[in-house]
Amino acid sequence: MELKYDYCKISPDRDKYIVEYGHNTYKGYTLSSPIKVADRSFSTEKSCPFCQKNYTS
């Protein structure tokens, strides 16, 4: 089974984006509720290819 994050919530923080949540998926189907992923920082959102633009307020 291949795991990937096809959705995540990112928060702008000091000119970086922090990945907060992702969905555990298999062949495009969501298997479980959102899971917490490790804190990972990116200098720009383009560095996070699996992220959709979805910012917290």
PDB file of N, CA and C in Angstrom:
ATOM      1  N   MET A   1       0.846  -1.182   0.000  1.00  0.00           N
ATOM      2  CA  MET A   1       0.000   0.000   0.000  1.00  0.00           C
ATOM      3  C   MET A   1       0.889   1.242   0.000  1.00  0.00           C
ATOM      4  N   GLU A   2       0.630   2.139  -0.915  1.00  0.00           N
ATOM      5  CA  GLU A   2       1.409   3.374  -1.018  1.00  0.00           C
ATOM      6  C   GLU A   2       0.724   4.473  -0.217  1.00  0.00           C
ATOM      7  N   LEU A   3       1.478   5.116   0.653  1.00  0.00           N
ATOM      8  CA  LEU A   3       0.945   6.214   1.442  1.00  0.00           C
ATOM      9  C   LEU A   3       1.429   7.530   0.866  1.00  0.00           C
ATOM     10  N   LYS A   4       0.534   8.486   0.792  1.00  0.00           N
ATOM     11  CA  LYS A   4       0.933   9.811   0.337  1.00  0.00           C
ATOM     12  C   LYS A   4       0.023  10.835   0.984  1.00  0.00           C
ATOM     13  N   TYR A   5       0.439  12.079   0.950  1.00  0.00           N
ATOM     14  CA  TYR A   5      -0.362  13.169   1.484  1.00  0.00           C
ATOM     15  C   TYR A   5      -0.870  13.991   0.318  1.00  0.00           C
ATOM     16  N   ASP A   6      -2.156  13.831  -0.001  1.00  0.00           N
ATOM     17  CA  ASP A   6      -2.693  14.564  -1.140  1.00  0.00           C
ATOM     18  C   ASP A   6      -3.388  15.853  -0.705  1.00  0.00           C
ATOM     19  N   TYR A   7      -3.394  16.121   0.565  1.00  0.00           N
ATOM     20  CA  TYR A   7      -3.964  17.366   1.081  1.00  0.00           C
ATOM     21  C   TYR A   7      -3.232  17.705   2.363  1.00  0.00           C
ATOM     22  N   CYS A   8      -2.944  18.943   2.563  1.00  0.00           N
ATOM     23  CA  CYS A   8      -2.367  19.348   3.837  1.00  0.00           C
ATOM     24  C   CYS A   8      -2.743  20.793   4.114  1.00  0.00           C
ATOM     25  N   LYS A   9      -2.705  21.148   5.376  1.00  0.00           N
ATOM     26  CA  LYS A   9      -2.969  22.520   5.784  1.00  0.00           C
ATOM     27  C   LYS A   9      -1.626  23.142   6.121  1.00  0.00           C
ATOM     28  N   ILE A  10      -1.346  24.313   5.571  1.00  0.00           N
ATOM     29  CA  ILE A  10      -0.071  24.967   5.839  1.00  0.00           C
ATOM     30  C   ILE A  10      -0.302  26.328   6.481  1.00  0.00           C
ATOM     31  N   SER A  11       0.572  26.687   7.364  1.00  0.00           N
ATOM     32  CA  SER A  11       0.457  27.946   8.094  1.00  0.00           C
ATOM     33  C   SER A  11       1.636  28.846   7.790  1.00  0.00           C
ATOM     34  N   PRO A  12       1.389  30.087   7.354  1.00  0.00           N
ATOM     35  CA  PRO A  12       2.503  31.011   7.160  1.00  0.00           C
ATOM     36  C   PRO A  12       3.119  31.358   8.514  1.00  0.00           C
ATOM     37  N   ASP A  13       4.432  31.287   8.603  1.00  0.00           N
ATOM     38  CA  ASP A  13       5.110  31.559   9.862  1.00  0.00           C
ATOM     39  C   ASP A  13       6.524  32.041   9.572  1.00  0.00           C
ATOM     40  N   ARG A  14       6.772  33.320   9.779  1.00  0.00           N
ATOM     41  CA  ARG A  14       8.103  33.901   9.556  1.00  0.00           C
ATOM     42  C   ARG A  14       8.638  33.579   8.166  1.00  0.00           C
ATOM     43  N   ASP A  15       7.842  33.828   7.154  1.00  0.00           N
ATOM     44  CA  ASP A  15       8.217  33.601   5.757  1.00  0.00           C
ATOM     45  C   ASP A  15       8.421  32.127   5.428  1.00  0.00           C
ATOM     46  N   LYS A  16       7.860  31.239   6.235  1.00  0.00           N
ATOM     47  CA  LYS A  16       7.920  29.813   5.943  1.00  0.00           C
ATOM     48  C   LYS A  16       6.516  29.238   6.051  1.00  0.00           C
ATOM     49  N   TYR A  17       6.344  28.066   5.511  1.00  0.00           N
ATOM     50  CA  TYR A  17       5.067  27.380   5.596  1.00  0.00           C
ATOM     51  C   TYR A  17       5.268  26.071   6.351  1.00  0.00           C
ATOM     52  N   ILE A  18       4.428  25.814   7.330  1.00  0.00           N
ATOM     53  CA  ILE A  18       4.544  24.613   8.144  1.00  0.00           C
ATOM     54  C   ILE A  18       3.433  23.647   7.735  1.00  0.00           C
ATOM     55  N   VAL A  19       3.822  22.435   7.351  1.00  0.00           N
ATOM     56  CA  VAL A  19       2.828  21.419   7.022  1.00  0.00           C
ATOM     57  C   VAL A  19       2.232  20.913   8.323  1.00  0.00           C
ATOM     58  N   GLU A  20       0.910  20.920   8.425  1.00  0.00           N
ATOM     59  CA  GLU A  20       0.270  20.512   9.668  1.00  0.00           C
ATOM     60  C   GLU A  20      -0.444  19.172   9.560  1.00  0.00           C
ATOM     61  N   TYR A  21      -1.275  19.006   8.551  1.00  0.00           N
ATOM     62  CA  TYR A  21      -2.072  17.787   8.462  1.00  0.00           C
ATOM     63  C   TYR A  21      -2.056  17.215   7.062  1.00  0.00           C
ATOM     64  N   GLY A  22      -2.199  15.910   6.959  1.00  0.00           N
ATOM     65  CA  GLY A  22      -2.313  15.244   5.669  1.00  0.00           C
ATOM     66  C   GLY A  22      -3.302  14.104   5.777  1.00  0.00           C
ATOM     67  N   HIS A  23      -3.792  13.633   4.660  1.00  0.00           N
ATOM     68  CA  HIS A  23      -4.690  12.484   4.638  1.00  0.00           C
ATOM     69  C   HIS A  23      -3.913  11.257   4.211  1.00  0.00           C
ATOM     70  N   ASN A  24      -4.205  10.142   4.827  1.00  0.00           N
ATOM     71  CA  ASN A  24      -3.622   8.866   4.457  1.00  0.00           C
ATOM     72  C   ASN A  24      -4.493   8.307   3.333  1.00  0.00           C
ATOM     73  N   THR A  25      -3.934   8.138   2.122  1.00  0.00           N
ATOM     74  CA  THR A  25      -4.738   7.724   0.982  1.00  0.00           C
ATOM     75  C   THR A  25      -4.159   6.506   0.288  1.00  0.00           C
ATOM     76  N   TYR A  26      -5.032   5.837  -0.448  1.00  0.00           N
ATOM     77  CA  TYR A  26      -4.627   4.701  -1.273  1.00  0.00           C
ATOM     78  C   TYR A  26      -5.423   4.745  -2.560  1.00  0.00           C
ATOM     79  N   LYS A  27      -4.731   4.893  -3.689  1.00  0.00           N
ATOM     80  CA  LYS A  27      -5.373   4.983  -4.999  1.00  0.00           C
ATOM     81  C   LYS A  27      -6.456   6.062  -5.031  1.00  0.00           C
ATOM     82  N   GLY A  28      -6.181   7.172  -4.389  1.00  0.00           N
ATOM     83  CA  GLY A  28      -7.103   8.303  -4.424  1.00  0.00           C
ATOM     84  C   GLY A  28      -8.216   8.261  -3.394  1.00  0.00           C
ATOM     85  N   TYR A  29      -8.316   7.177  -2.613  1.00  0.00           N
ATOM     86  CA  TYR A  29      -9.362   7.072  -1.599  1.00  0.00           C
ATOM     87  C   TYR A  29      -8.784   7.386  -0.223  1.00  0.00           C
ATOM     88  N   THR A  30      -9.494   8.214   0.536  1.00  0.00           N
ATOM     89  CA  THR A  30      -9.058   8.537   1.886  1.00  0.00           C
ATOM     90  C   THR A  30      -9.382   7.367   2.804  1.00  0.00           C
ATOM     91  N   LEU A  31      -8.379   6.878   3.519  1.00  0.00           N
ATOM     92  CA  LEU A  31      -8.555   5.712   4.376  1.00  0.00           C
ATOM     93  C   LEU A  31      -8.902   6.066   5.812  1.00  0.00           C
ATOM     94  N   SER A  32      -8.466   7.209   6.261  1.00  0.00           N
ATOM     95  CA  SER A  32      -8.696   7.561   7.658  1.00  0.00           C
ATOM     96  C   SER A  32      -8.819   9.069   7.797  1.00  0.00           C
ATOM     97  N   SER A  33      -9.133   9.498   9.007  1.00  0.00           N
ATOM     98  CA  SER A  33      -9.210  10.932   9.259  1.00  0.00           C
ATOM     99  C   SER A  33      -7.826  11.552   9.116  1.00  0.00           C
ATOM    100  N   PRO A  34      -7.750  12.874   9.003  1.00  0.00           N
ATOM    101  CA  PRO A  34      -6.441  13.521   8.859  1.00  0.00           C
ATOM    102  C   PRO A  34      -5.494  13.111   9.981  1.00  0.00           C
ATOM    103  N   ILE A  35      -4.239  12.887   9.622  1.00  0.00           N
ATOM    104  CA  ILE A  35      -3.234  12.506  10.604  1.00  0.00           C
ATOM    105  C   ILE A  35      -2.196  13.606  10.713  1.00  0.00           C
ATOM    106  N   LYS A  36      -1.632  13.740  11.886  1.00  0.00           N
ATOM    107  CA  LYS A  36      -0.593  14.748  12.096  1.00  0.00           C
ATOM    108  C   LYS A  36       0.689  14.275  11.437  1.00  0.00           C
ATOM    109  N   VAL A  37       1.290  15.127  10.627  1.00  0.00           N
ATOM    110  CA  VAL A  37       2.568  14.791  10.012  1.00  0.00           C
ATOM    111  C   VAL A  37       3.663  15.519  10.765  1.00  0.00           C
ATOM    112  N   ALA A  38       4.866  15.069  10.603  1.00  0.00           N
ATOM    113  CA  ALA A  38       5.989  15.703  11.283  1.00  0.00           C
ATOM    114  C   ALA A  38       6.083  17.172  10.889  1.00  0.00           C
ATOM    115  N   ASP A  39       6.534  17.989  11.805  1.00  0.00           N
ATOM    116  CA  ASP A  39       6.712  19.410  11.510  1.00  0.00           C
ATOM    117  C   ASP A  39       7.786  19.558  10.447  1.00  0.00           C
ATOM    118  N   ARG A  40       7.398  20.115   9.323  1.00  0.00           N
ATOM    119  CA  ARG A  40       8.333  20.301   8.217  1.00  0.00           C
ATOM    120  C   ARG A  40       8.167  21.712   7.689  1.00  0.00           C
ATOM    121  N   SER A  41       9.248  22.439   7.570  1.00  0.00           N
ATOM    122  CA  SER A  41       9.211  23.822   7.100  1.00  0.00           C
ATOM    123  C   SER A  41       9.677  23.908   5.659  1.00  0.00           C
ATOM    124  N   PHE A  42       9.068  24.806   4.911  1.00  0.00           N
ATOM    125  CA  PHE A  42       9.455  25.059   3.532  1.00  0.00           C
ATOM    126  C   PHE A  42       9.586  26.562   3.359  1.00  0.00           C
ATOM    127  N   SER A  43      10.607  26.980   2.625  1.00  0.00           N
ATOM    128  CA  SER A  43      10.812  28.414   2.444  1.00  0.00           C
ATOM    129  C   SER A  43       9.717  29.034   1.588  1.00  0.00           C
ATOM    130  N   THR A  44       9.145  28.249   0.680  1.00  0.00           N
ATOM    131  CA  THR A  44       8.006  28.706  -0.116  1.00  0.00           C
ATOM    132  C   THR A  44       7.042  27.554  -0.280  1.00  0.00           C
ATOM    133  N   GLU A  45       5.792  27.872  -0.616  1.00  0.00           N
ATOM    134  CA  GLU A  45       4.811  26.804  -0.801  1.00  0.00           C
ATOM    135  C   GLU A  45       5.149  25.939  -2.013  1.00  0.00           C
ATOM    136  N   LYS A  46       5.928  26.474  -2.964  1.00  0.00           N
ATOM    137  CA  LYS A  46       6.329  25.680  -4.127  1.00  0.00           C
ATOM    138  C   LYS A  46       7.229  24.509  -3.728  1.00  0.00           C
ATOM    139  N   SER A  47       7.836  24.588  -2.562  1.00  0.00           N
ATOM    140  CA  SER A  47       8.681  23.502  -2.084  1.00  0.00           C
ATOM    141  C   SER A  47       7.858  22.346  -1.531  1.00  0.00           C
ATOM    142  N   CYS A  48       6.570  22.528  -1.470  1.00  0.00           N
ATOM    143  CA  CYS A  48       5.673  21.505  -0.929  1.00  0.00           C
ATOM    144  C   CYS A  48       4.733  21.069  -2.047  1.00  0.00           C
ATOM    145  N   PRO A  49       5.182  20.197  -2.965  1.00  0.00           N
ATOM    146  CA  PRO A  49       4.414  19.880  -4.168  1.00  0.00           C
ATOM    147  C   PRO A  49       3.089  19.182  -3.907  1.00  0.00           C
ATOM    148  N   PHE A  50       2.932  18.532  -2.755  1.00  0.00           N
ATOM    149  CA  PHE A  50       1.693  17.824  -2.475  1.00  0.00           C
ATOM    150  C   PHE A  50       0.693  18.685  -1.721  1.00  0.00           C
ATOM    151  N   CYS A  51       1.002  19.981  -1.531  1.00  0.00           N
ATOM    152  CA  CYS A  51       0.118  20.867  -0.776  1.00  0.00           C
ATOM    153  C   CYS A  51      -0.797  21.661  -1.699  1.00  0.00           C
ATOM    154  N   GLN A  52      -2.025  21.803  -1.247  1.00  0.00           N
ATOM    155  CA  GLN A  52      -2.938  22.725  -1.902  1.00  0.00           C
ATOM    156  C   GLN A  52      -2.882  24.027  -1.119  1.00  0.00           C
ATOM    157  N   LYS A  53      -3.271  25.111  -1.756  1.00  0.00           N
ATOM    158  CA  LYS A  53      -3.267  26.388  -1.051  1.00  0.00           C
ATOM    159  C   LYS A  53      -4.434  26.392  -0.065  1.00  0.00           C
ATOM    160  N   ASN A  54      -4.114  26.250   1.206  1.00  0.00           N
ATOM    161  CA  ASN A  54      -5.134  26.204   2.240  1.00  0.00           C
ATOM    162  C   ASN A  54      -4.504  26.724   3.524  1.00  0.00           C
ATOM    163  N   TYR A  55      -4.719  27.983   3.824  1.00  0.00           N
ATOM    164  CA  TYR A  55      -4.018  28.626   4.918  1.00  0.00           C
ATOM    165  C   TYR A  55      -4.909  28.732   6.145  1.00  0.00           C
ATOM    166  N   THR A  56      -4.285  28.655   7.308  1.00  0.00           N
ATOM    167  CA  THR A  56      -5.031  28.854   8.540  1.00  0.00           C
ATOM    168  C   THR A  56      -5.167  30.343   8.798  1.00  0.00           C
ATOM    169  N   SER A  57      -6.172  30.700   9.561  1.00  0.00           N
ATOM    170  CA  SER A  57      -6.379  32.117   9.859  1.00  0.00           C
ATOM    171  C   SER A  57      -5.748  32.494  11.176  1.00  0.00           C
TER     172      SER A  57
END
